[in-house]
């Protein structure tokens, strides 16, 4: 009996370890993230909404009308649970959606649910939307009840709740996640706030005249290739430390196509071959930047410094 018990425990341990190690490197990056707004809780009223489960088709809904919630709080129900990364807040998602009136179930608006018009949406790091979606996995279909007190007046002029159905197609990283690398001699030094926002210390002396790139956080995702569309957070600095552009200051990441038609050559060179999840610091001389002409607040013949977090590949 003792041997049998020991063997059973050993088998259970082996299965547990196997399950843990089966997570993809990309999934492992997301698993290190902590939610900035807890985890969603299924609401009483929204749990009564019936939603079709075929993810290959646009959703249909059925519920007793009118439907509403006494508290002005968004209610979440998972219809089909995906297996991808969880929403943790402060990040972009790509989704499909359909919106229905809580008065009569009529459809108000919807995407096509065929991938042709799937929008990207920034999920804030706090607030009602973050609380309603935190913990929802990529690949899920969910129903969201928006109470009338939040939704307001309908198209017919009546106060009405709404039922939103979302298919979460892709969840992106909120900031670089990976293995921290030692700083390289002569390169700008990056320091990061808890939310990933970077600050940079640039070496004193004359501006560098040659291109340099250093991976300061190495992610575990796919490698960025020329021509791909990617999502990044970035900050750009003049050699004197002045910030001339920053997606962090703008409040959300930006989408770029990695080619010389859309980006300066130095930015393309900085991103090509980098893994998703990485943070790179790049020193870009004028010849690979904006040259003698400059650009807006960037003077001519400026050496630039960029700190870039690669958050995901879009296509």
C-alpha atoms as a PDB file:
ATOM      1  CA  UNK A   1       0.000   0.000   0.000  1.00  0.00           C
ATOM      2  CA  UNK A   2       2.791   2.413   0.876  1.00  0.00           C
ATOM      3  CA  UNK A   3       4.565   1.755  -2.418  1.00  0.00           C
ATOM      4  CA  UNK A   4       1.333   2.287  -4.324  1.00  0.00           C
ATOM      5  CA  UNK A   5       0.716   5.593  -2.535  1.00  0.00           C
ATOM      6  CA  UNK A   6       4.257   6.779  -3.153  1.00  0.00           C
ATOM      7  CA  UNK A   7       3.988   5.815  -6.807  1.00  0.00           C
ATOM      8  CA  UNK A   8       0.685   7.678  -7.135  1.00  0.00           C
ATOM      9  CA  UNK A   9       2.132  10.794  -5.555  1.00  0.00           C
ATOM     10  CA  UNK A  10       5.164  10.590  -7.816  1.00  0.00           C
ATOM     11  CA  UNK A  11       2.922  10.287 -10.872  1.00  0.00           C
ATOM     12  CA  UNK A  12       0.803  13.245  -9.764  1.00  0.00           C
ATOM     13  CA  UNK A  13       3.921  15.346  -9.227  1.00  0.00           C
ATOM     14  CA  UNK A  14       5.270  14.391 -12.631  1.00  0.00           C
ATOM     15  CA  UNK A  15       1.989  15.329 -14.293  1.00  0.00           C
ATOM     16  CA  UNK A  16       1.937  18.661 -12.482  1.00  0.00           C
ATOM     17  CA  UNK A  17       5.472  19.470 -13.527  1.00  0.00           C
ATOM     18  CA  UNK A  18       4.723  18.428 -17.083  1.00  0.00           C
ATOM     19  CA  UNK A  19       1.688  20.699 -17.148  1.00  0.00           C
ATOM     20  CA  UNK A  20       3.727  23.653 -15.906  1.00  0.00           C
ATOM     21  CA  UNK A  21       6.496  23.159 -18.418  1.00  0.00           C
ATOM     22  CA  UNK A  22       4.061  22.834 -21.321  1.00  0.00           C
ATOM     23  CA  UNK A  23       3.300  26.558 -21.274  1.00  0.00           C
ATOM     24  CA  UNK A  24       4.797  28.280 -24.301  1.00  0.00           C
ATOM     25  CA  UNK A  25       7.578  30.821 -23.725  1.00  0.00           C
ATOM     26  CA  UNK A  26       5.167  33.547 -24.825  1.00  0.00           C
ATOM     27  CA  UNK A  27       2.558  32.376 -22.300  1.00  0.00           C
ATOM     28  CA  UNK A  28       5.216  32.331 -19.585  1.00  0.00           C
ATOM     29  CA  UNK A  29       5.795  36.060 -20.139  1.00  0.00           C
ATOM     30  CA  UNK A  30       2.126  36.831 -19.480  1.00  0.00           C
ATOM     31  CA  UNK A  31       2.082  34.546 -16.450  1.00  0.00           C
ATOM     32  CA  UNK A  32       4.529  36.878 -14.693  1.00  0.00           C
ATOM     33  CA  UNK A  33       2.161  39.852 -14.976  1.00  0.00           C
ATOM     34  CA  UNK A  34       0.022  40.976 -12.060  1.00  0.00           C
ATOM     35  CA  UNK A  35      -3.408  42.432 -12.663  1.00  0.00           C
ATOM     36  CA  UNK A  36      -3.699  46.126 -11.904  1.00  0.00           C
ATOM     37  CA  UNK A  37      -7.421  45.873 -11.137  1.00  0.00           C
ATOM     38  CA  UNK A  38      -8.147  42.476  -9.617  1.00  0.00           C
ATOM     39  CA  UNK A  39     -10.245  39.856 -11.391  1.00  0.00           C
ATOM     40  CA  UNK A  40     -13.720  40.123 -12.866  1.00  0.00           C
ATOM     41  CA  UNK A  41     -16.706  38.784 -10.953  1.00  0.00           C
ATOM     42  CA  UNK A  42     -19.684  37.209 -12.706  1.00  0.00           C
ATOM     43  CA  UNK A  43     -22.801  39.333 -12.216  1.00  0.00           C
ATOM     44  CA  UNK A  44     -26.213  38.022 -11.193  1.00  0.00           C
ATOM     45  CA  UNK A  45     -28.159  39.570 -14.055  1.00  0.00           C
ATOM     46  CA  UNK A  46     -25.685  38.957 -16.870  1.00  0.00           C
ATOM     47  CA  UNK A  47     -25.495  35.271 -15.976  1.00  0.00           C
ATOM     48  CA  UNK A  48     -29.088  35.003 -17.235  1.00  0.00           C
ATOM     49  CA  UNK A  49     -28.080  36.103 -20.739  1.00  0.00           C
ATOM     50  CA  UNK A  50     -27.790  33.185 -23.148  1.00  0.00           C
ATOM     51  CA  UNK A  51     -25.175  33.637 -25.877  1.00  0.00           C
ATOM     52  CA  UNK A  52     -24.363  31.337 -28.793  1.00  0.00           C
ATOM     53  CA  UNK A  53     -21.048  29.511 -28.409  1.00  0.00           C
ATOM     54  CA  UNK A  54     -19.911  28.947 -32.014  1.00  0.00           C
ATOM     55  CA  UNK A  55     -16.863  31.208 -32.282  1.00  0.00           C
ATOM     56  CA  UNK A  56     -16.880  30.840 -36.073  1.00  0.00           C
ATOM     57  CA  UNK A  57     -20.147  32.761 -36.249  1.00  0.00           C
ATOM     58  CA  UNK A  58     -21.391  36.130 -35.043  1.00  0.00           C
ATOM     59  CA  UNK A  59     -23.089  35.763 -31.670  1.00  0.00           C
ATOM     60  CA  UNK A  60     -26.799  35.662 -30.999  1.00  0.00           C
ATOM     61  CA  UNK A  61     -28.337  36.437 -27.618  1.00  0.00           C
ATOM     62  CA  UNK A  62     -31.469  35.612 -25.696  1.00  0.00           C
ATOM     63  CA  UNK A  63     -32.656  37.068 -22.394  1.00  0.00           C
ATOM     64  CA  UNK A  64     -35.787  38.221 -20.623  1.00  0.00           C
ATOM     65  CA  UNK A  65     -36.472  41.865 -21.408  1.00  0.00           C
ATOM     66  CA  UNK A  66     -36.019  44.402 -20.085  1.00  0.00           C
ATOM     67  CA  UNK A  67     -32.734  43.494 -18.420  1.00  0.00           C
ATOM     68  CA  UNK A  68     -30.830  45.819 -16.120  1.00  0.00           C
ATOM     69  CA  UNK A  69     -28.743  45.890 -12.957  1.00  0.00           C
ATOM     70  CA  UNK A  70     -29.511  47.726  -9.742  1.00  0.00           C
ATOM     71  CA  UNK A  71     -25.902  48.827  -9.240  1.00  0.00           C
ATOM     72  CA  UNK A  72     -24.086  50.933 -11.866  1.00  0.00           C
ATOM     73  CA  UNK A  73     -21.380  48.294 -12.231  1.00  0.00           C
ATOM     74  CA  UNK A  74     -20.440  46.383 -15.387  1.00  0.00           C
ATOM     75  CA  UNK A  75     -21.230  42.678 -15.095  1.00  0.00           C
ATOM     76  CA  UNK A  76     -19.218  39.963 -16.839  1.00  0.00           C
ATOM     77  CA  UNK A  77     -20.047  36.411 -17.836  1.00  0.00           C
ATOM     78  CA  UNK A  78     -17.676  34.054 -19.649  1.00  0.00           C
ATOM     79  CA  UNK A  79     -19.578  32.214 -22.387  1.00  0.00           C
ATOM     80  CA  UNK A  80     -16.596  30.354 -23.881  1.00  0.00           C
ATOM     81  CA  UNK A  81     -13.308  30.389 -22.014  1.00  0.00           C
ATOM     82  CA  UNK A  82     -10.153  30.677 -24.084  1.00  0.00           C
ATOM     83  CA  UNK A  83      -6.744  29.319 -23.170  1.00  0.00           C
ATOM     84  CA  UNK A  84      -4.566  32.315 -24.043  1.00  0.00           C
ATOM     85  CA  UNK A  85      -3.050  35.089 -21.922  1.00  0.00           C
ATOM     86  CA  UNK A  86      -5.193  36.925 -19.395  1.00  0.00           C
ATOM     87  CA  UNK A  87      -6.082  40.586 -19.573  1.00  0.00           C
ATOM     88  CA  UNK A  88      -4.282  42.299 -16.694  1.00  0.00           C
ATOM     89  CA  UNK A  89      -4.873  45.992 -17.501  1.00  0.00           C
ATOM     90  CA  UNK A  90      -2.920  48.751 -19.170  1.00  0.00           C
ATOM     91  CA  UNK A  91      -2.683  46.892 -22.482  1.00  0.00           C
ATOM     92  CA  UNK A  92      -4.169  46.585 -25.946  1.00  0.00           C
ATOM     93  CA  UNK A  93      -6.538  43.840 -27.023  1.00  0.00           C
ATOM     94  CA  UNK A  94      -7.944  42.971 -30.427  1.00  0.00           C
ATOM     95  CA  UNK A  95     -11.595  41.971 -30.302  1.00  0.00           C
ATOM     96  CA  UNK A  96     -14.855  41.487 -32.152  1.00  0.00           C
ATOM     97  CA  UNK A  97     -18.044  42.792 -30.580  1.00  0.00           C
ATOM     98  CA  UNK A  98     -21.811  42.985 -30.910  1.00  0.00           C
ATOM     99  CA  UNK A  99     -24.055  45.306 -28.900  1.00  0.00           C
ATOM    100  CA  UNK A 100     -27.697  44.608 -28.058  1.00  0.00           C
ATOM    101  CA  UNK A 101     -30.405  46.714 -26.436  1.00  0.00           C
ATOM    102  CA  UNK A 102     -31.407  45.647 -22.945  1.00  0.00           C
ATOM    103  CA  UNK A 103     -34.963  46.765 -23.726  1.00  0.00           C
ATOM    104  CA  UNK A 104     -35.785  44.507 -26.685  1.00  0.00           C
ATOM    105  CA  UNK A 105     -32.605  42.559 -27.673  1.00  0.00           C
ATOM    106  CA  UNK A 106     -32.293  44.501 -30.932  1.00  0.00           C
ATOM    107  CA  UNK A 107     -28.738  44.734 -32.274  1.00  0.00           C
ATOM    108  CA  UNK A 108     -27.309  48.247 -32.037  1.00  0.00           C
ATOM    109  CA  UNK A 109     -23.938  47.734 -33.697  1.00  0.00           C
ATOM    110  CA  UNK A 110     -21.405  44.986 -34.414  1.00  0.00           C
ATOM    111  CA  UNK A 111     -18.179  44.092 -36.162  1.00  0.00           C
ATOM    112  CA  UNK A 112     -18.269  41.482 -38.921  1.00  0.00           C
ATOM    113  CA  UNK A 113     -16.763  38.647 -36.847  1.00  0.00           C
ATOM    114  CA  UNK A 114     -14.666  37.543 -39.813  1.00  0.00           C
ATOM    115  CA  UNK A 115     -11.396  39.282 -38.914  1.00  0.00           C
ATOM    116  CA  UNK A 116     -11.787  42.025 -41.506  1.00  0.00           C
ATOM    117  CA  UNK A 117     -12.648  44.850 -39.104  1.00  0.00           C
ATOM    118  CA  UNK A 118     -11.458  43.646 -35.695  1.00  0.00           C
ATOM    119  CA  UNK A 119     -10.540  46.813 -33.763  1.00  0.00           C
ATOM    120  CA  UNK A 120      -7.809  47.247 -31.201  1.00  0.00           C
ATOM    121  CA  UNK A 121      -8.806  48.684 -27.864  1.00  0.00           C
ATOM    122  CA  UNK A 122      -6.734  50.013 -25.004  1.00  0.00           C
ATOM    123  CA  UNK A 123      -7.806  48.484 -21.697  1.00  0.00           C
ATOM    124  CA  UNK A 124      -6.913  51.027 -18.998  1.00  0.00           C
ATOM    125  CA  UNK A 125      -4.873  50.006 -15.963  1.00  0.00           C
ATOM    126  CA  UNK A 126      -7.773  51.028 -13.716  1.00  0.00           C
ATOM    127  CA  UNK A 127     -11.472  51.795 -13.877  1.00  0.00           C
ATOM    128  CA  UNK A 128     -14.686  49.944 -14.664  1.00  0.00           C
ATOM    129  CA  UNK A 129     -13.625  48.398 -17.977  1.00  0.00           C
ATOM    130  CA  UNK A 130     -10.418  47.036 -16.490  1.00  0.00           C
ATOM    131  CA  UNK A 131     -12.308  45.539 -13.540  1.00  0.00           C
ATOM    132  CA  UNK A 132     -14.862  43.959 -15.866  1.00  0.00           C
ATOM    133  CA  UNK A 133     -12.246  42.339 -18.140  1.00  0.00           C
ATOM    134  CA  UNK A 134      -9.317  41.598 -15.819  1.00  0.00           C
ATOM    135  CA  UNK A 135      -8.685  37.860 -15.857  1.00  0.00           C
ATOM    136  CA  UNK A 136     -10.508  37.203 -19.148  1.00  0.00           C
ATOM    137  CA  UNK A 137      -8.360  35.035 -21.422  1.00  0.00           C
ATOM    138  CA  UNK A 138      -7.475  35.467 -25.070  1.00  0.00           C
ATOM    139  CA  UNK A 139      -9.774  33.251 -27.141  1.00  0.00           C
ATOM    140  CA  UNK A 140     -12.781  33.829 -24.871  1.00  0.00           C
ATOM    141  CA  UNK A 141     -16.306  34.927 -25.725  1.00  0.00           C
ATOM    142  CA  UNK A 142     -17.861  36.977 -22.957  1.00  0.00           C
ATOM    143  CA  UNK A 143     -21.084  38.848 -22.278  1.00  0.00           C
ATOM    144  CA  UNK A 144     -20.932  42.242 -20.595  1.00  0.00           C
ATOM    145  CA  UNK A 145     -24.015  43.883 -19.107  1.00  0.00           C
ATOM    146  CA  UNK A 146     -23.771  47.674 -19.096  1.00  0.00           C
ATOM    147  CA  UNK A 147     -26.453  48.985 -16.678  1.00  0.00           C
ATOM    148  CA  UNK A 148     -28.776  51.748 -17.860  1.00  0.00           C
ATOM    149  CA  UNK A 149     -27.216  54.160 -15.368  1.00  0.00           C
ATOM    150  CA  UNK A 150     -23.925  53.729 -17.253  1.00  0.00           C
ATOM    151  CA  UNK A 151     -25.211  53.209 -20.817  1.00  0.00           C
ATOM    152  CA  UNK A 152     -27.591  56.194 -20.673  1.00  0.00           C
ATOM    153  CA  UNK A 153     -30.130  57.084 -23.350  1.00  0.00           C
ATOM    154  CA  UNK A 154     -30.779  54.678 -26.223  1.00  0.00           C
ATOM    155  CA  UNK A 155     -31.289  55.594 -29.884  1.00  0.00           C
ATOM    156  CA  UNK A 156     -35.034  55.746 -29.256  1.00  0.00           C
ATOM    157  CA  UNK A 157     -34.579  58.250 -26.447  1.00  0.00           C
ATOM    158  CA  UNK A 158     -35.269  55.761 -23.652  1.00  0.00           C
ATOM    159  CA  UNK A 159     -32.944  54.978 -20.762  1.00  0.00           C
ATOM    160  CA  UNK A 160     -31.617  51.532 -21.577  1.00  0.00           C
ATOM    161  CA  UNK A 161     -29.044  49.004 -20.507  1.00  0.00           C
ATOM    162  CA  UNK A 162     -26.897  47.257 -23.117  1.00  0.00           C
ATOM    163  CA  UNK A 163     -25.544  43.760 -23.541  1.00  0.00           C
ATOM    164  CA  UNK A 164     -22.117  43.607 -25.172  1.00  0.00           C
ATOM    165  CA  UNK A 165     -20.676  40.359 -26.492  1.00  0.00           C
ATOM    166  CA  UNK A 166     -16.907  40.292 -27.050  1.00  0.00           C
ATOM    167  CA  UNK A 167     -14.663  37.740 -28.722  1.00  0.00           C
ATOM    168  CA  UNK A 168     -11.163  38.423 -27.363  1.00  0.00           C
ATOM    169  CA  UNK A 169      -8.948  37.675 -30.352  1.00  0.00           C
ATOM    170  CA  UNK A 170      -5.545  38.775 -29.055  1.00  0.00           C
ATOM    171  CA  UNK A 171      -4.081  40.139 -25.825  1.00  0.00           C
ATOM    172  CA  UNK A 172      -0.870  42.193 -25.981  1.00  0.00           C
ATOM    173  CA  UNK A 173       1.777  42.796 -23.356  1.00  0.00           C
ATOM    174  CA  UNK A 174       1.484  46.057 -21.390  1.00  0.00           C
ATOM    175  CA  UNK A 175       5.266  46.525 -21.313  1.00  0.00           C
ATOM    176  CA  UNK A 176       8.486  44.601 -21.901  1.00  0.00           C
ATOM    177  CA  UNK A 177       8.702  41.310 -20.004  1.00  0.00           C
ATOM    178  CA  UNK A 178      11.691  39.002 -20.040  1.00  0.00           C
ATOM    179  CA  UNK A 179      15.237  38.465 -18.866  1.00  0.00           C
ATOM    180  CA  UNK A 180      17.062  41.569 -17.667  1.00  0.00           C
ATOM    181  CA  UNK A 181      20.417  42.033 -19.367  1.00  0.00           C
ATOM    182  CA  UNK A 182      23.488  43.827 -18.056  1.00  0.00           C
ATOM    183  CA  UNK A 183      24.005  47.365 -19.332  1.00  0.00           C
ATOM    184  CA  UNK A 184      26.626  47.738 -22.053  1.00  0.00           C
ATOM    185  CA  UNK A 185      29.510  50.165 -21.634  1.00  0.00           C
ATOM    186  CA  UNK A 186      28.956  53.472 -23.393  1.00  0.00           C
ATOM    187  CA  UNK A 187      25.235  52.876 -23.955  1.00  0.00           C
ATOM    188  CA  UNK A 188      22.403  54.929 -22.425  1.00  0.00           C
ATOM    189  CA  UNK A 189      21.146  53.396 -19.178  1.00  0.00           C
ATOM    190  CA  UNK A 190      17.434  52.649 -18.810  1.00  0.00           C
ATOM    191  CA  UNK A 191      15.532  52.748 -15.520  1.00  0.00           C
ATOM    192  CA  UNK A 192      11.912  51.686 -15.310  1.00  0.00           C
ATOM    193  CA  UNK A 193       8.909  52.550 -13.149  1.00  0.00           C
ATOM    194  CA  UNK A 194       6.698  49.764 -11.805  1.00  0.00           C
ATOM    195  CA  UNK A 195       4.334  50.135 -14.782  1.00  0.00           C
ATOM    196  CA  UNK A 196       7.247  49.754 -17.214  1.00  0.00           C
ATOM    197  CA  UNK A 197       7.581  53.446 -18.094  1.00  0.00           C
ATOM    198  CA  UNK A 198      11.248  54.079 -18.948  1.00  0.00           C
ATOM    199  CA  UNK A 199      13.641  56.867 -18.072  1.00  0.00           C
ATOM    200  CA  UNK A 200      17.063  57.098 -19.670  1.00  0.00           C
ATOM    201  CA  UNK A 201      20.460  58.414 -18.621  1.00  0.00           C
ATOM    202  CA  UNK A 202      22.546  59.352 -21.652  1.00  0.00           C
ATOM    203  CA  UNK A 203      26.353  59.285 -21.482  1.00  0.00           C
ATOM    204  CA  UNK A 204      28.058  62.658 -21.159  1.00  0.00           C
ATOM    205  CA  UNK A 205      30.193  63.938 -23.994  1.00  0.00           C
ATOM    206  CA  UNK A 206      29.892  64.194 -27.735  1.00  0.00           C
ATOM    207  CA  UNK A 207      26.945  62.502 -29.422  1.00  0.00           C
ATOM    208  CA  UNK A 208      27.630  59.059 -30.825  1.00  0.00           C
ATOM    209  CA  UNK A 209      28.161  58.904 -34.580  1.00  0.00           C
ATOM    210  CA  UNK A 210      27.529  55.193 -35.137  1.00  0.00           C
ATOM    211  CA  UNK A 211      24.415  53.080 -34.801  1.00  0.00           C
ATOM    212  CA  UNK A 212      24.255  50.969 -31.642  1.00  0.00           C
ATOM    213  CA  UNK A 213      21.566  48.685 -30.299  1.00  0.00           C
ATOM    214  CA  UNK A 214      21.373  46.955 -26.957  1.00  0.00           C
ATOM    215  CA  UNK A 215      18.683  44.522 -25.798  1.00  0.00           C
ATOM    216  CA  UNK A 216      18.190  45.416 -22.139  1.00  0.00           C
ATOM    217  CA  UNK A 217      15.236  43.080 -21.564  1.00  0.00           C
ATOM    218  CA  UNK A 218      15.056  39.962 -23.717  1.00  0.00           C
ATOM    219  CA  UNK A 219      11.547  38.668 -24.296  1.00  0.00           C
ATOM    220  CA  UNK A 220      10.490  35.141 -25.200  1.00  0.00           C
ATOM    221  CA  UNK A 221       8.084  35.813 -28.070  1.00  0.00           C
ATOM    222  CA  UNK A 222       8.340  35.623 -31.840  1.00  0.00           C
ATOM    223  CA  UNK A 223      11.078  37.493 -33.683  1.00  0.00           C
ATOM    224  CA  UNK A 224      10.150  40.750 -35.425  1.00  0.00           C
ATOM    225  CA  UNK A 225      10.712  40.656 -39.193  1.00  0.00           C
ATOM    226  CA  UNK A 226      10.905  43.411 -41.764  1.00  0.00           C
ATOM    227  CA  UNK A 227       7.481  44.279 -43.168  1.00  0.00           C
ATOM    228  CA  UNK A 228       5.510  43.156 -40.121  1.00  0.00           C
ATOM    229  CA  UNK A 229       3.074  45.368 -38.271  1.00  0.00           C
ATOM    230  CA  UNK A 230       3.889  45.525 -34.569  1.00  0.00           C
ATOM    231  CA  UNK A 231       2.658  47.157 -31.370  1.00  0.00           C
ATOM    232  CA  UNK A 232       5.255  49.043 -29.334  1.00  0.00           C
ATOM    233  CA  UNK A 233       5.699  51.436 -26.457  1.00  0.00           C
ATOM    234  CA  UNK A 234       8.548  53.867 -27.021  1.00  0.00           C
ATOM    235  CA  UNK A 235      10.253  57.055 -25.905  1.00  0.00           C
ATOM    236  CA  UNK A 236      12.557  59.106 -28.137  1.00  0.00           C
ATOM    237  CA  UNK A 237      15.285  61.399 -26.796  1.00  0.00           C
ATOM    238  CA  UNK A 238      17.747  63.905 -28.155  1.00  0.00           C
ATOM    239  CA  UNK A 239      21.333  63.369 -27.027  1.00  0.00           C
ATOM    240  CA  UNK A 240      20.870  66.078 -24.371  1.00  0.00           C
ATOM    241  CA  UNK A 241      18.113  63.983 -22.754  1.00  0.00           C
ATOM    242  CA  UNK A 242      15.134  65.965 -24.081  1.00  0.00           C
ATOM    243  CA  UNK A 243      12.106  63.791 -24.842  1.00  0.00           C
ATOM    244  CA  UNK A 244      10.766  64.624 -28.320  1.00  0.00           C
ATOM    245  CA  UNK A 245       8.183  61.844 -28.619  1.00  0.00           C
ATOM    246  CA  UNK A 246       6.735  59.182 -26.331  1.00  0.00           C
ATOM    247  CA  UNK A 247       3.839  56.740 -26.549  1.00  0.00           C
ATOM    248  CA  UNK A 248       3.982  56.540 -22.751  1.00  0.00           C
ATOM    249  CA  UNK A 249       3.225  60.251 -22.533  1.00  0.00           C
ATOM    250  CA  UNK A 250       0.456  59.834 -25.117  1.00  0.00           C
ATOM    251  CA  UNK A 251      -1.159  57.216 -22.869  1.00  0.00           C
ATOM    252  CA  UNK A 252      -1.135  54.167 -25.125  1.00  0.00           C
ATOM    253  CA  UNK A 253       1.135  52.068 -27.373  1.00  0.00           C
ATOM    254  CA  UNK A 254       1.462  52.701 -31.088  1.00  0.00           C
ATOM    255  CA  UNK A 255       1.285  50.484 -34.162  1.00  0.00           C
ATOM    256  CA  UNK A 256       4.094  50.638 -36.722  1.00  0.00           C
ATOM    257  CA  UNK A 257       4.975  48.803 -39.918  1.00  0.00           C
ATOM    258  CA  UNK A 258       8.627  47.785 -39.772  1.00  0.00           C
ATOM    259  CA  UNK A 259       9.974  49.055 -43.076  1.00  0.00           C
ATOM    260  CA  UNK A 260      11.772  52.091 -44.466  1.00  0.00           C
ATOM    261  CA  UNK A 261       8.594  53.455 -46.051  1.00  0.00           C
ATOM    262  CA  UNK A 262       7.012  54.050 -42.654  1.00  0.00           C
ATOM    263  CA  UNK A 263       9.954  54.473 -40.271  1.00  0.00           C
ATOM    264  CA  UNK A 264      13.393  56.037 -40.256  1.00  0.00           C
ATOM    265  CA  UNK A 265      16.067  53.438 -41.164  1.00  0.00           C
ATOM    266  CA  UNK A 266      17.574  53.461 -37.663  1.00  0.00           C
ATOM    267  CA  UNK A 267      14.229  52.558 -36.068  1.00  0.00           C
ATOM    268  CA  UNK A 268      13.797  49.656 -38.491  1.00  0.00           C
ATOM    269  CA  UNK A 269      17.326  48.493 -37.716  1.00  0.00           C
ATOM    270  CA  UNK A 270      16.612  48.747 -33.990  1.00  0.00           C
ATOM    271  CA  UNK A 271      13.516  46.519 -34.178  1.00  0.00           C
ATOM    272  CA  UNK A 272      14.336  43.882 -36.791  1.00  0.00           C
ATOM    273  CA  UNK A 273      15.340  40.569 -35.235  1.00  0.00           C
ATOM    274  CA  UNK A 274      14.109  41.488 -31.742  1.00  0.00           C
ATOM    275  CA  UNK A 275      11.834  39.113 -29.829  1.00  0.00           C
ATOM    276  CA  UNK A 276       8.381  40.154 -28.654  1.00  0.00           C
ATOM    277  CA  UNK A 277       8.571  41.097 -24.982  1.00  0.00           C
ATOM    278  CA  UNK A 278      11.980  42.719 -25.386  1.00  0.00           C
ATOM    279  CA  UNK A 279      13.075  46.220 -24.557  1.00  0.00           C
ATOM    280  CA  UNK A 280      15.794  47.713 -26.716  1.00  0.00           C
ATOM    281  CA  UNK A 281      17.751  50.934 -26.456  1.00  0.00           C
ATOM    282  CA  UNK A 282      19.065  52.232 -29.770  1.00  0.00           C
ATOM    283  CA  UNK A 283      21.454  55.060 -30.611  1.00  0.00           C
ATOM    284  CA  UNK A 284      20.605  56.376 -34.077  1.00  0.00           C
ATOM    285  CA  UNK A 285      23.019  58.755 -35.850  1.00  0.00           C
ATOM    286  CA  UNK A 286      21.672  61.471 -38.187  1.00  0.00           C
ATOM    287  CA  UNK A 287      22.349  59.417 -41.333  1.00  0.00           C
ATOM    288  CA  UNK A 288      19.870  56.776 -40.093  1.00  0.00           C
ATOM    289  CA  UNK A 289      17.523  59.324 -38.559  1.00  0.00           C
ATOM    290  CA  UNK A 290      16.326  62.678 -39.870  1.00  0.00           C
ATOM    291  CA  UNK A 291      19.635  63.830 -41.356  1.00  0.00           C
ATOM    292  CA  UNK A 292      20.597  67.461 -41.800  1.00  0.00           C
ATOM    293  CA  UNK A 293      16.993  68.600 -42.269  1.00  0.00           C
ATOM    294  CA  UNK A 294      15.706  67.417 -38.898  1.00  0.00           C
ATOM    295  CA  UNK A 295      11.994  66.957 -38.238  1.00  0.00           C
ATOM    296  CA  UNK A 296       9.732  69.240 -36.204  1.00  0.00           C
ATOM    297  CA  UNK A 297      11.259  69.596 -32.733  1.00  0.00           C
ATOM    298  CA  UNK A 298      14.241  67.464 -33.799  1.00  0.00           C
ATOM    299  CA  UNK A 299      17.110  69.732 -34.954  1.00  0.00           C
ATOM    300  CA  UNK A 300      19.151  68.847 -38.011  1.00  0.00           C
ATOM    301  CA  UNK A 301      22.071  66.445 -37.552  1.00  0.00           C
ATOM    302  CA  UNK A 302      20.642  65.065 -34.313  1.00  0.00           C
ATOM    303  CA  UNK A 303      21.737  61.766 -32.832  1.00  0.00           C
ATOM    304  CA  UNK A 304      18.644  60.117 -31.373  1.00  0.00           C
ATOM    305  CA  UNK A 305      18.110  57.639 -28.559  1.00  0.00           C
ATOM    306  CA  UNK A 306      15.058  55.389 -28.531  1.00  0.00           C
ATOM    307  CA  UNK A 307      13.845  53.041 -25.819  1.00  0.00           C
ATOM    308  CA  UNK A 308      11.343  50.612 -27.329  1.00  0.00           C
ATOM    309  CA  UNK A 309       9.200  47.867 -25.767  1.00  0.00           C
ATOM    310  CA  UNK A 310       8.016  45.304 -28.335  1.00  0.00           C
ATOM    311  CA  UNK A 311       4.530  44.319 -27.179  1.00  0.00           C
ATOM    312  CA  UNK A 312       3.303  42.100 -29.988  1.00  0.00           C
ATOM    313  CA  UNK A 313       3.148  41.326 -33.684  1.00  0.00           C
ATOM    314  CA  UNK A 314      -0.142  42.241 -35.310  1.00  0.00           C
ATOM    315  CA  UNK A 315       0.440  40.697 -38.740  1.00  0.00           C
END
